[in-house]
Amino acid sequence: MASSSDPTLEHLANSVLQPGFEGTTAPDWVRRKISEGLGSVVLFSRNIESVEQVGRLTAALRAENPDLIVAIDEEAGDVTRMEAWTGSSRPGNLALGAVDDIDLTERVAHDIGRDLHAAGVSLNFAPSADVNSNPLNPVIGVRSFGSRTDIVSRHTAAWIRGLQGAGVAACAKHFPGHGDTVVDSHYGLPQVQGSAEEIALTALPPFIAAMEAGVRAVMTAHLLAPAYDPDLPATLSHRILVDLLRGELRFDGLVVTDGIEMGAVTDRYGIDGATVRALAGGVDAVCVGGESADEATADLLSTALVKAVHERTLPEERLAEASGRVREFAAWSGERSRAVAPAAEDSGIGLAAARRAIRVRNRSAAALPLTGAPHVVELSPTMNLAVDGRTPWGVAGPLRDLRPGTTSVRLTEPDVAPAGDLLDREVLGPAAGRPLVVVVRDAARHRWMTDTLTRLLRSRPDALVVEMGVPAGDSPGAAHLITHGATRVSGIAAAELLVGGATA
C-alpha cells in the first residue's frame, strides 16, 4: 500500500477531480494542481467574458497539460454560461422538443458546439435527457425536451450528434432520470417512486438513445431510486452506476457526478464523504466548484480520497480505474480540441428556432397585434441554482425596441403577497388605456403567480399573457403565447409576434 505522502496516489486523487475556480484568468493554484495530476476543470459564468477571452483562458490552462479536460454546463436555453450576461441566442430543449424537428435540434447543438470548440471547451454537461413527466418538477422543467419519452429520446440523440460533430463531447444527464421528482437536489434529496419496470419504460430510453448516438459521458443524478437502491443516491450507488449503467446498459464512457457540493448528498455525507462514496460507487470524475470554488476544497477532496485508500474504504484499484477512464477521455477530447474548427452555422438559426417554437392559444381578432405601446408586467419566480439569476429574460426589453414607449415593471412574490394597492399602482394604473401584457414563468408551479394573474385578468380581461416556462393546460388571457423557454431569442420572437411582425 502506498505511503501517506505517495505522490502517485495523490496524482490519482487529483486526476478524478473537476474543480471550478474564480476569475477570468488561470489561478496559480489551478496551474499547480494540473502539474500535480489534475485532469479537468469546470468553467462557470463567473469565468466568462467572451469567446475570445475563454479561448485565452483555456490555452493558458492547457499550457500545463495539452489534454486537460475543460468542461462547462452550456445547455443553452435558460441554462447558459457562455451567454449568461446577455441571455442565450439559442432556444432550450423544451422549445426544440415543441418544434420536434430533429434536424433543427442537431443544427442548433452543432452551432453551440462550434462556439465551445472555438473557446477551447472539450466537454459540455448537456443535454438534459430527463423526461419532465412531473409538471411540478422544480429543477428540470424547460431544460427537458418534453414530457414524452419518445420526443426526449430522439432529440437527445440529435443534440448529441450535433454537439459531438463540432468536436465537443456531450454528457447526457441526470442518470437515471430526474424528470419525475418534486424536490430540487441543490437543497434536498429527491426520490423517484416508480418501479424498475416503469423507470425502464419512461426514464431510461433517452439515455439508451444517447449511448446509441455515441455519447462520451453520462452525469449522475443526486436522487434516490428505491426500485434500484433503497439506501444510496444514484451518484453513490454501485447498483445504479455499475450494475445498471455499466452492466445492463453497457455504457463504457466517462461517468461524472452532478455538483458534489449539492445538498442532496452533502447534507448526509459531507462534501468529502460524498466524494469518496461516489468514487467507490462507480463514478470516474467528481464535479465541484459551482459554489465551493477554491483551492481548499480541491485539497480537501484529494486528501479525503488518499485517506480513504489507506483506510480501505476506497480500493486503490477503483481509484486507478476511474483515473484511467479520465485519461482515456482526455486523450480523445484533447485530440478533437486541437482539430480544425468546424464550419460556422447560420448565425440566425437560434432566433429562427425560437420563432418556430411559439404557440398561440385563445387568439382573438382584437388581441393581436398590439394597437399601441403596451405596459408589460413580468412576474418573476425565484430560479433554481442551475439557472444564473443574473441572466436577463422577458419580453419587455424586446418590445421597447419594437414599440418605443413600452413601459414595464417586474414583480416577485414578496411584491404581490401583501394585500394593498401595488397592482393598481404598478400595473393597472400605468396600463390604463393601453394594451397590457402579463409575462409569467412556470405559472403552474407558483400559486402566487396564478393568483396574481387571476386578479389582473379580472380587471383587464383583454390582457395578453406570455408563458415563458412550462405551459399548463389552461390558457388565460385574450391571447396566450407560449414560448417554451425564457431565452433572449424567445423574448425577441414573442415581441415580434405581439407587434405583428411574425406569425405562429
Protein backbone atom coordinates (compact mmCIF):
# COMPACT_ATOMS: atom_id res chain seq x y z
CA MET A 1 0.00 0.00 0.00
CA ALA A 2 1.23 3.49 -0.86
CA SER A 3 2.50 5.73 1.93
CA SER A 4 0.50 8.78 3.04
CA SER A 5 2.85 11.04 1.06
CA ASP A 6 2.95 8.85 -2.06
CA PRO A 7 2.86 11.28 -5.00
CA THR A 8 1.46 8.57 -7.25
CA LEU A 9 -1.61 8.18 -5.06
CA GLU A 10 -2.03 11.94 -4.79
CA HIS A 11 -1.73 12.17 -8.58
CA LEU A 12 -4.55 9.62 -8.94
CA ALA A 13 -6.72 11.55 -6.49
CA ASN A 14 -6.17 14.85 -8.32
CA SER A 15 -6.88 13.27 -11.69
CA VAL A 16 -10.51 12.42 -10.89
CA LEU A 17 -11.47 15.91 -9.68
CA GLN A 18 -13.16 18.54 -11.85
CA PRO A 19 -12.92 21.77 -9.81
CA GLY A 20 -14.16 25.22 -10.64
CA PHE A 21 -12.35 28.43 -9.75
CA GLU A 22 -12.85 32.18 -9.52
CA GLY A 23 -11.79 34.72 -12.12
CA THR A 24 -11.29 35.05 -15.85
CA THR A 25 -7.60 34.08 -15.84
CA ALA A 26 -5.92 30.87 -14.69
CA PRO A 27 -5.17 30.95 -10.93
CA ASP A 28 -1.75 29.79 -9.77
CA TRP A 29 -3.26 27.05 -7.60
CA VAL A 30 -5.07 25.53 -10.59
CA ARG A 31 -1.87 25.56 -12.67
CA ARG A 32 -0.04 23.85 -9.83
CA LYS A 33 -2.78 21.25 -9.41
CA ILE A 34 -2.60 20.45 -13.12
CA SER A 35 1.11 19.79 -12.76
CA GLU A 36 0.20 17.51 -9.83
CA GLY A 37 -2.19 15.41 -11.90
CA LEU A 38 -5.43 17.40 -12.07
CA GLY A 39 -7.18 16.12 -15.19
CA SER A 40 -10.13 18.50 -15.54
CA VAL A 41 -11.52 21.93 -14.73
CA VAL A 42 -15.06 23.29 -14.97
CA LEU A 43 -15.97 26.77 -16.18
CA PHE A 44 -18.89 28.81 -14.87
CA SER A 45 -20.34 32.16 -15.90
CA ARG A 46 -18.01 33.92 -13.43
CA ASN A 47 -15.10 32.79 -15.64
CA ILE A 48 -16.55 34.11 -18.89
CA GLU A 49 -16.49 37.47 -20.63
CA SER A 50 -16.35 36.43 -24.28
CA VAL A 51 -15.49 33.51 -26.54
CA GLU A 52 -12.09 35.08 -27.22
CA GLN A 53 -11.32 35.56 -23.50
CA VAL A 54 -12.30 31.97 -22.71
CA GLY A 55 -10.05 30.85 -25.56
CA ARG A 56 -7.10 32.62 -23.92
CA LEU A 57 -8.01 31.12 -20.55
CA THR A 58 -8.22 27.56 -21.86
CA ALA A 59 -4.98 27.98 -23.79
CA ALA A 60 -3.21 29.10 -20.61
CA LEU A 61 -4.57 26.09 -18.71
CA ARG A 62 -3.57 23.68 -21.46
CA ALA A 63 -0.04 25.05 -21.42
CA GLU A 64 0.24 22.84 -18.31
CA ASN A 65 -1.44 19.81 -19.94
CA PRO A 66 -2.46 19.79 -23.64
CA ASP A 67 -5.12 17.13 -22.93
CA LEU A 68 -6.69 18.91 -19.96
CA ILE A 69 -10.46 18.40 -19.96
CA VAL A 70 -12.21 21.77 -19.93
CA ALA A 71 -15.88 21.30 -19.05
CA ILE A 72 -18.85 23.64 -18.96
CA ASP A 73 -22.59 23.47 -18.30
CA GLU A 74 -23.85 25.04 -21.52
CA GLU A 75 -27.31 23.68 -22.18
CA ALA A 76 -28.21 26.93 -23.96
CA GLY A 77 -31.81 27.89 -23.31
CA ASP A 78 -32.37 29.01 -19.73
CA VAL A 79 -29.14 27.36 -18.52
CA THR A 80 -26.30 29.20 -20.23
CA ARG A 81 -22.81 30.01 -19.06
CA MET A 82 -21.31 31.40 -22.28
CA GLU A 83 -24.16 33.93 -22.63
CA ALA A 84 -25.14 34.39 -19.01
CA TRP A 85 -24.83 38.17 -19.22
CA THR A 86 -26.95 38.60 -22.36
CA GLY A 87 -29.32 35.63 -22.43
CA SER A 88 -28.94 32.70 -24.78
CA SER A 89 -29.04 33.20 -28.52
CA ARG A 90 -30.48 29.68 -28.92
CA PRO A 91 -33.71 28.27 -27.51
CA GLY A 92 -33.53 25.49 -24.97
CA ASN A 93 -34.63 21.90 -25.03
CA LEU A 94 -38.35 22.38 -24.41
CA ALA A 95 -38.60 24.75 -27.38
CA LEU A 96 -36.74 22.30 -29.61
CA GLY A 97 -38.98 19.47 -28.44
CA ALA A 98 -42.06 21.58 -29.18
CA VAL A 99 -40.88 22.14 -32.76
CA ASP A 100 -39.98 18.43 -32.97
CA ASP A 101 -37.60 18.77 -35.93
CA ILE A 102 -34.56 16.61 -35.18
CA ASP A 103 -32.58 18.23 -37.99
CA LEU A 104 -33.13 21.64 -36.36
CA THR A 105 -32.09 20.26 -32.96
CA GLU A 106 -28.90 18.81 -34.43
CA ARG A 107 -28.08 22.10 -36.17
CA VAL A 108 -28.65 24.15 -33.01
CA ALA A 109 -26.43 21.81 -30.99
CA HIS A 110 -23.74 21.95 -33.68
CA ASP A 111 -23.88 25.75 -33.51
CA ILE A 112 -23.37 25.59 -29.73
CA GLY A 113 -20.53 23.13 -30.20
CA ARG A 114 -18.82 25.39 -32.72
CA ASP A 115 -18.67 28.25 -30.18
CA LEU A 116 -17.49 25.94 -27.40
CA HIS A 117 -14.81 24.44 -29.64
CA ALA A 118 -13.59 27.93 -30.55
CA ALA A 119 -13.36 28.74 -26.84
CA GLY A 120 -11.33 25.62 -26.08
CA VAL A 121 -14.07 23.72 -24.22
CA SER A 122 -13.88 19.96 -24.68
CA LEU A 123 -16.76 18.61 -22.52
CA ASN A 124 -20.26 20.04 -22.27
CA PHE A 125 -22.53 18.88 -19.44
CA ALA A 126 -25.50 18.65 -21.80
CA PRO A 127 -28.04 17.68 -22.95
CA SER A 128 -30.57 17.01 -20.22
CA ALA A 129 -32.01 13.60 -21.13
CA ASP A 130 -34.61 13.84 -18.39
CA VAL A 131 -38.27 13.24 -19.27
CA ASN A 132 -40.15 16.01 -17.46
CA SER A 133 -43.04 13.73 -16.59
CA ASN A 134 -43.89 15.63 -13.40
CA PRO A 135 -45.17 19.14 -14.24
CA LEU A 136 -44.31 20.31 -10.71
CA ASN A 137 -40.62 19.45 -11.16
CA PRO A 138 -38.71 22.42 -9.71
CA VAL A 139 -35.31 21.84 -11.31
CA ILE A 140 -35.78 20.32 -14.80
CA GLY A 141 -38.80 21.94 -16.49
CA VAL A 142 -37.81 23.72 -19.72
CA ARG A 143 -34.40 22.02 -19.59
CA SER A 144 -36.13 18.84 -20.81
CA PHE A 145 -37.20 18.22 -24.39
CA GLY A 146 -40.65 17.44 -23.02
CA SER A 147 -42.89 15.09 -21.07
CA ARG A 148 -42.97 12.32 -23.69
CA THR A 149 -40.26 9.67 -23.68
CA ASP A 150 -40.18 9.32 -27.47
CA ILE A 151 -39.64 13.05 -28.06
CA VAL A 152 -36.93 13.29 -25.41
CA SER A 153 -35.18 10.21 -26.81
CA ARG A 154 -34.93 11.35 -30.43
CA HIS A 155 -33.93 14.92 -29.58
CA THR A 156 -31.36 13.79 -27.01
CA ALA A 157 -29.71 11.72 -29.74
CA ALA A 158 -29.91 14.56 -32.28
CA TRP A 159 -28.43 17.08 -29.82
CA ILE A 160 -25.52 14.75 -29.08
CA ARG A 161 -24.81 14.17 -32.77
CA GLY A 162 -24.76 17.91 -33.39
CA LEU A 163 -22.54 18.81 -30.46
CA GLN A 164 -20.05 15.99 -30.92
CA GLY A 165 -19.98 16.65 -34.65
CA ALA A 166 -18.50 20.03 -33.73
CA GLY A 167 -15.69 18.37 -31.77
CA VAL A 168 -17.07 18.79 -28.23
CA ALA A 169 -18.02 15.81 -26.06
CA ALA A 170 -21.62 15.62 -24.86
CA CYS A 171 -22.74 14.43 -21.42
CA ALA A 172 -26.26 13.02 -21.02
CA LYS A 173 -27.77 13.88 -17.64
CA HIS A 174 -29.13 13.25 -15.00
CA PHE A 175 -28.95 9.44 -14.84
CA PRO A 176 -31.20 7.51 -14.21
CA GLY A 177 -33.63 10.38 -14.84
CA HIS A 178 -34.57 13.48 -12.82
CA GLY A 179 -37.89 14.22 -14.52
CA ASP A 180 -40.33 12.59 -12.11
CA THR A 181 -39.27 14.47 -8.98
CA VAL A 182 -40.64 17.35 -6.88
CA VAL A 183 -37.53 18.21 -4.82
CA ASP A 184 -34.62 20.35 -6.03
CA SER A 185 -31.45 18.32 -5.43
CA HIS A 186 -29.50 21.51 -4.75
CA TYR A 187 -31.32 21.62 -1.41
CA GLY A 188 -32.69 18.15 -0.63
CA LEU A 189 -32.81 14.53 -1.75
CA PRO A 190 -35.43 13.86 -4.44
CA GLN A 191 -36.98 10.43 -4.76
CA VAL A 192 -38.26 8.61 -7.83
CA GLN A 193 -41.20 6.47 -6.81
CA GLY A 194 -41.64 4.34 -9.94
CA SER A 195 -40.89 0.65 -10.18
CA ALA A 196 -37.90 -0.62 -12.11
CA GLU A 197 -40.25 -1.54 -14.96
CA GLU A 198 -41.78 1.96 -15.03
CA ILE A 199 -38.38 3.66 -14.96
CA ALA A 200 -37.16 1.37 -17.75
CA LEU A 201 -40.12 2.40 -19.91
CA THR A 202 -40.17 6.14 -19.19
CA ALA A 203 -36.83 7.47 -17.92
CA LEU A 204 -34.13 5.18 -19.34
CA PRO A 205 -34.88 5.24 -23.10
CA PRO A 206 -33.35 8.72 -23.65
CA PHE A 207 -30.11 7.53 -22.05
CA ILE A 208 -30.14 4.45 -24.24
CA ALA A 209 -30.68 6.71 -27.26
CA ALA A 210 -27.76 8.85 -26.07
CA MET A 211 -25.49 5.82 -25.93
CA GLU A 212 -26.60 4.70 -29.37
CA ALA A 213 -25.70 8.20 -30.61
CA GLY A 214 -22.19 7.75 -29.19
CA VAL A 215 -22.38 10.00 -26.13
CA ARG A 216 -18.98 10.14 -24.41
CA ALA A 217 -20.10 10.94 -20.86
CA VAL A 218 -23.05 10.48 -18.50
CA MET A 219 -23.77 12.65 -15.46
CA THR A 220 -25.33 11.10 -12.35
CA ALA A 221 -28.37 12.38 -10.50
CA HIS A 222 -28.41 13.12 -6.79
CA LEU A 223 -31.67 11.28 -6.20
CA LEU A 224 -32.97 8.16 -4.53
CA ALA A 225 -34.45 5.49 -6.78
CA PRO A 226 -35.65 2.80 -4.34
CA ALA A 227 -36.57 0.47 -7.21
CA TYR A 228 -32.81 0.05 -7.75
CA ASP A 229 -31.25 1.09 -4.44
CA PRO A 230 -33.35 2.00 -1.38
CA ASP A 231 -30.38 3.34 0.57
CA LEU A 232 -27.95 5.33 -1.60
CA PRO A 233 -28.49 8.23 -4.01
CA ALA A 234 -27.71 7.31 -7.63
CA THR A 235 -24.42 9.23 -7.55
CA LEU A 236 -23.15 6.93 -4.80
CA SER A 237 -24.88 3.70 -5.82
CA HIS A 238 -22.94 0.69 -7.15
CA ARG A 239 -26.26 -0.91 -8.09
CA ILE A 240 -27.21 2.03 -10.31
CA LEU A 241 -23.82 3.01 -11.72
CA VAL A 242 -22.20 -0.41 -12.12
CA ASP A 243 -24.98 -2.99 -12.23
CA LEU A 244 -27.40 -0.86 -14.28
CA LEU A 245 -25.38 1.71 -16.23
CA ARG A 246 -22.22 -0.31 -16.86
CA GLY A 247 -23.74 -3.78 -16.77
CA GLU A 248 -27.26 -3.78 -18.13
CA LEU A 249 -26.92 -0.72 -20.40
CA ARG A 250 -23.27 -1.43 -21.30
CA PHE A 251 -22.02 2.16 -21.08
CA ASP A 252 -18.22 2.29 -21.17
CA GLY A 253 -17.61 6.05 -21.26
CA LEU A 254 -16.91 8.62 -18.54
CA VAL A 255 -19.27 8.83 -15.56
CA VAL A 256 -19.23 12.22 -13.84
CA THR A 257 -21.15 13.49 -10.84
CA ASP A 258 -23.53 16.37 -10.71
CA GLY A 259 -22.10 19.12 -8.49
CA ILE A 260 -20.89 17.18 -5.46
CA GLU A 261 -21.50 20.11 -3.11
CA MET A 262 -25.27 19.93 -3.67
CA GLY A 263 -27.39 19.41 -0.58
CA ALA A 264 -28.87 16.10 -1.71
CA VAL A 265 -25.57 14.36 -0.92
CA THR A 266 -23.56 16.73 1.27
CA ASP A 267 -26.32 17.08 3.87
CA ARG A 268 -25.92 13.36 4.58
CA TYR A 269 -22.26 12.62 3.88
CA GLY A 270 -20.40 15.93 3.74
CA ILE A 271 -18.62 17.04 0.59
CA ASP A 272 -15.60 14.83 1.29
CA GLY A 273 -17.67 11.81 2.31
CA ALA A 274 -19.88 12.14 -0.78
CA THR A 275 -16.78 12.32 -2.98
CA VAL A 276 -15.30 9.13 -1.55
CA ARG A 277 -18.61 7.28 -1.77
CA ALA A 278 -19.15 8.43 -5.36
CA LEU A 279 -15.78 7.02 -6.46
CA ALA A 280 -16.40 3.81 -4.55
CA GLY A 281 -19.84 3.53 -6.14
CA GLY A 282 -18.56 3.72 -9.70
CA VAL A 283 -18.10 7.39 -10.63
CA ASP A 284 -14.99 8.36 -12.61
CA ALA A 285 -14.89 12.13 -12.18
CA VAL A 286 -16.21 14.44 -9.45
CA CYS A 287 -17.57 17.82 -10.50
CA VAL A 288 -17.20 20.52 -7.83
CA GLY A 289 -16.96 24.27 -7.79
CA GLY A 290 -20.36 25.70 -8.58
CA GLU A 291 -20.35 27.04 -5.04
CA SER A 292 -17.10 25.73 -3.50
CA ALA A 293 -14.57 27.08 -5.97
CA ASP A 294 -11.32 27.35 -4.07
CA GLU A 295 -8.03 25.56 -3.52
CA ALA A 296 -9.05 24.45 -0.03
CA THR A 297 -11.97 22.44 -1.41
CA ALA A 298 -9.81 20.73 -4.04
CA ASP A 299 -7.23 19.91 -1.37
CA LEU A 300 -9.93 18.60 0.97
CA LEU A 301 -11.29 16.22 -1.66
CA SER A 302 -7.95 14.90 -2.87
CA THR A 303 -6.84 14.34 0.73
CA ALA A 304 -10.09 12.54 1.50
CA LEU A 305 -9.55 10.18 -1.44
CA VAL A 306 -5.97 9.37 -0.39
CA LYS A 307 -7.11 8.79 3.19
CA ALA A 308 -9.94 6.53 2.01
CA VAL A 309 -7.47 4.37 0.09
CA HIS A 310 -5.31 3.99 3.21
CA GLU A 311 -8.35 3.17 5.32
CA ARG A 312 -9.53 0.64 2.71
CA THR A 313 -12.92 2.33 2.26
CA LEU A 314 -11.94 3.08 -1.35
CA PRO A 315 -9.98 0.37 -3.16
CA GLU A 316 -6.91 1.77 -4.87
CA GLU A 317 -7.81 -0.32 -7.92
CA ARG A 318 -11.16 1.51 -8.18
CA LEU A 319 -9.43 4.90 -7.99
CA ALA A 320 -6.91 3.79 -10.62
CA GLU A 321 -9.73 2.55 -12.86
CA ALA A 322 -11.51 5.92 -12.62
CA SER A 323 -8.28 7.77 -13.32
CA GLY A 324 -7.70 5.58 -16.37
CA ARG A 325 -11.11 6.48 -17.79
CA VAL A 326 -10.38 10.16 -17.24
CA ARG A 327 -7.07 9.81 -19.11
CA GLU A 328 -8.73 7.91 -21.95
CA PHE A 329 -11.43 10.55 -22.25
CA ALA A 330 -8.84 13.34 -22.06
CA ALA A 331 -6.83 11.87 -24.91
CA TRP A 332 -9.96 11.57 -27.07
CA SER A 333 -11.25 15.06 -26.29
CA GLY A 334 -7.81 16.67 -26.42
CA GLU A 335 -7.27 15.43 -29.97
CA ARG A 336 -10.59 16.96 -31.02
CA SER A 337 -9.98 20.24 -29.23
CA ARG A 338 -6.82 20.68 -31.34
CA ALA A 339 -8.62 19.87 -34.60
CA VAL A 340 -9.62 22.49 -37.16
CA ALA A 341 -12.68 24.42 -36.05
CA PRO A 342 -15.97 23.22 -37.56
CA ALA A 343 -17.75 25.25 -40.20
CA ALA A 344 -19.92 28.10 -38.93
CA GLU A 345 -23.70 27.63 -38.79
CA ASP A 346 -26.20 30.21 -39.97
CA SER A 347 -25.97 32.86 -37.25
CA GLY A 348 -29.74 33.30 -37.27
CA ILE A 349 -30.63 29.70 -36.51
CA GLY A 350 -31.34 30.36 -32.83
CA LEU A 351 -33.91 33.07 -33.47
CA ALA A 352 -35.45 31.06 -36.29
CA ALA A 353 -35.86 28.10 -33.93
CA ALA A 354 -37.37 30.31 -31.20
CA ARG A 355 -39.92 31.67 -33.68
CA ARG A 356 -40.94 28.16 -34.66
CA ALA A 357 -41.39 27.16 -31.01
CA ILE A 358 -44.05 29.76 -30.17
CA ARG A 359 -47.65 28.61 -29.83
CA VAL A 360 -50.69 30.91 -29.52
CA ARG A 361 -53.94 29.99 -27.78
CA ASN A 362 -57.17 31.97 -27.29
CA ARG A 363 -56.24 34.29 -30.11
CA SER A 364 -58.97 36.87 -30.68
CA ALA A 365 -59.14 39.23 -33.61
CA ALA A 366 -58.84 42.22 -31.29
CA ALA A 367 -55.93 40.90 -29.25
CA LEU A 368 -53.14 40.73 -31.82
CA PRO A 369 -51.27 42.61 -32.98
CA LEU A 370 -50.94 45.22 -30.24
CA THR A 371 -52.55 48.51 -31.18
CA GLY A 372 -50.07 50.67 -29.30
CA ALA A 373 -47.15 50.72 -26.91
CA PRO A 374 -48.07 48.31 -24.10
CA HIS A 375 -47.46 48.20 -20.40
CA VAL A 376 -45.71 44.95 -19.50
CA VAL A 377 -45.76 43.25 -16.10
CA GLU A 378 -43.32 40.38 -15.65
CA LEU A 379 -43.95 38.02 -12.73
CA SER A 380 -40.54 36.69 -11.75
CA PRO A 381 -40.06 33.48 -9.71
CA THR A 382 -37.01 32.52 -7.67
CA MET A 383 -34.93 30.37 -10.02
CA ASN A 384 -33.14 27.16 -9.11
CA LEU A 385 -29.34 27.29 -8.89
CA ALA A 386 -28.85 25.71 -12.32
CA VAL A 387 -30.13 28.96 -13.83
CA ASP A 388 -27.94 32.02 -13.36
CA GLY A 389 -30.23 34.53 -11.70
CA ARG A 390 -28.40 37.42 -13.38
CA THR A 391 -29.29 36.26 -16.88
CA PRO A 392 -31.76 38.70 -18.47
CA TRP A 393 -35.12 37.39 -19.67
CA GLY A 394 -38.58 38.57 -20.59
CA VAL A 395 -40.34 40.44 -23.41
CA ALA A 396 -40.31 44.00 -22.08
CA GLY A 397 -36.85 44.80 -23.46
CA PRO A 398 -37.51 43.46 -26.97
CA LEU A 399 -40.90 45.21 -27.01
CA ARG A 400 -39.26 48.54 -26.16
CA ASP A 401 -37.03 48.09 -29.19
CA LEU A 402 -40.00 47.37 -31.44
CA ARG A 403 -42.56 49.70 -29.84
CA PRO A 404 -40.97 52.81 -28.34
CA GLY A 405 -43.00 53.99 -25.39
CA THR A 406 -43.41 50.50 -23.93
CA THR A 407 -43.27 50.61 -20.14
CA SER A 408 -42.75 47.73 -17.75
CA VAL A 409 -42.49 46.52 -14.18
CA ARG A 410 -41.10 43.25 -12.80
CA LEU A 411 -42.71 41.84 -9.66
CA THR A 412 -41.70 38.98 -7.36
CA GLU A 413 -43.73 37.05 -4.80
CA PRO A 414 -42.89 39.42 -1.90
CA ASP A 415 -44.07 42.33 -4.05
CA VAL A 416 -47.56 40.97 -4.56
CA ALA A 417 -48.11 38.89 -1.42
CA PRO A 418 -49.27 41.74 0.86
CA ALA A 419 -52.81 42.95 0.37
CA GLY A 420 -52.75 46.51 -0.88
CA ASP A 421 -52.76 48.73 -3.91
CA LEU A 422 -49.49 47.61 -5.53
CA LEU A 423 -51.17 46.06 -8.55
CA ASP A 424 -53.31 49.17 -9.03
CA ARG A 425 -50.28 51.42 -8.64
CA GLU A 426 -47.71 49.45 -10.66
CA VAL A 427 -49.85 47.64 -13.22
CA LEU A 428 -53.46 48.66 -13.71
CA GLY A 429 -52.85 52.39 -13.37
CA PRO A 430 -49.95 52.63 -15.84
CA ALA A 431 -51.82 50.29 -18.23
CA ALA A 432 -55.00 52.38 -18.31
CA GLY A 433 -55.98 52.97 -21.93
CA ARG A 434 -53.08 50.87 -23.19
CA PRO A 435 -52.52 47.19 -24.04
CA LEU A 436 -51.48 45.09 -21.04
CA VAL A 437 -49.05 42.20 -21.44
CA VAL A 438 -48.53 39.85 -18.48
CA VAL A 439 -45.43 37.64 -18.62
CA VAL A 440 -45.21 34.56 -16.40
CA ARG A 441 -42.61 31.82 -16.00
CA ASP A 442 -43.78 28.36 -14.89
CA ALA A 443 -47.03 29.81 -13.58
CA ALA A 444 -48.48 26.35 -12.84
CA ARG A 445 -45.75 25.75 -10.22
CA HIS A 446 -46.26 29.07 -8.42
CA ARG A 447 -49.56 29.70 -6.68
CA TRP A 448 -48.75 33.36 -6.10
CA MET A 449 -48.22 33.81 -9.81
CA THR A 450 -51.50 32.23 -10.86
CA ASP A 451 -53.36 34.17 -8.17
CA THR A 452 -51.82 37.45 -9.34
CA LEU A 453 -52.64 36.63 -12.95
CA THR A 454 -56.25 35.90 -11.98
CA ARG A 455 -56.52 39.24 -10.16
CA LEU A 456 -55.12 41.12 -13.13
CA LEU A 457 -57.39 39.40 -15.66
CA ARG A 458 -60.41 40.12 -13.50
CA SER A 459 -59.77 43.82 -14.07
CA ARG A 460 -58.27 43.50 -17.55
CA PRO A 461 -59.77 40.52 -19.41
CA ASP A 462 -58.26 41.92 -22.60
CA ALA A 463 -54.71 41.39 -21.30
CA LEU A 464 -52.33 39.21 -23.28
CA VAL A 465 -50.44 36.52 -21.39
CA VAL A 466 -46.97 35.22 -22.31
CA GLU A 467 -45.86 31.98 -20.64
CA MET A 468 -42.06 31.60 -20.79
CA GLY A 469 -41.84 28.37 -18.81
CA VAL A 470 -43.56 25.00 -18.93
CA PRO A 471 -47.13 25.57 -20.14
CA ALA A 472 -50.13 24.37 -18.18
CA GLY A 473 -53.42 23.07 -19.54
CA ASP A 474 -55.31 26.34 -19.16
CA SER A 475 -54.87 29.33 -21.46
CA PRO A 476 -55.87 32.58 -19.73
CA GLY A 477 -55.92 35.95 -21.46
CA ALA A 478 -57.30 37.41 -24.66
CA ALA A 479 -54.33 35.75 -26.31
CA HIS A 480 -51.98 33.27 -24.66
CA LEU A 481 -48.46 32.96 -26.07
CA ILE A 482 -46.22 30.05 -25.10
CA THR A 483 -42.50 30.43 -25.84
CA HIS A 484 -41.31 27.18 -24.18
CA GLY A 485 -38.38 28.98 -22.55
CA ALA A 486 -37.12 32.35 -21.34
CA THR A 487 -34.07 32.83 -23.56
CA ARG A 488 -33.18 36.13 -25.20
CA VAL A 489 -34.33 34.88 -28.60
CA SER A 490 -37.57 33.56 -27.09
CA GLY A 491 -38.31 37.08 -25.83
CA ILE A 492 -37.50 38.58 -29.20
CA ALA A 493 -39.70 36.08 -31.03
CA ALA A 494 -42.61 36.75 -28.67
CA ALA A 495 -42.23 40.51 -29.06
CA GLU A 496 -42.21 40.21 -32.83
CA LEU A 497 -45.45 38.26 -32.74
CA LEU A 498 -47.08 40.71 -30.34
CA VAL A 499 -46.48 43.65 -32.66
CA GLY A 500 -47.49 41.74 -35.77
CA GLY A 501 -44.07 41.13 -37.24
CA ALA A 502 -44.37 37.36 -37.24
CA THR A 503 -46.92 34.58 -37.14
CA ALA A 504 -47.16 31.38 -35.07
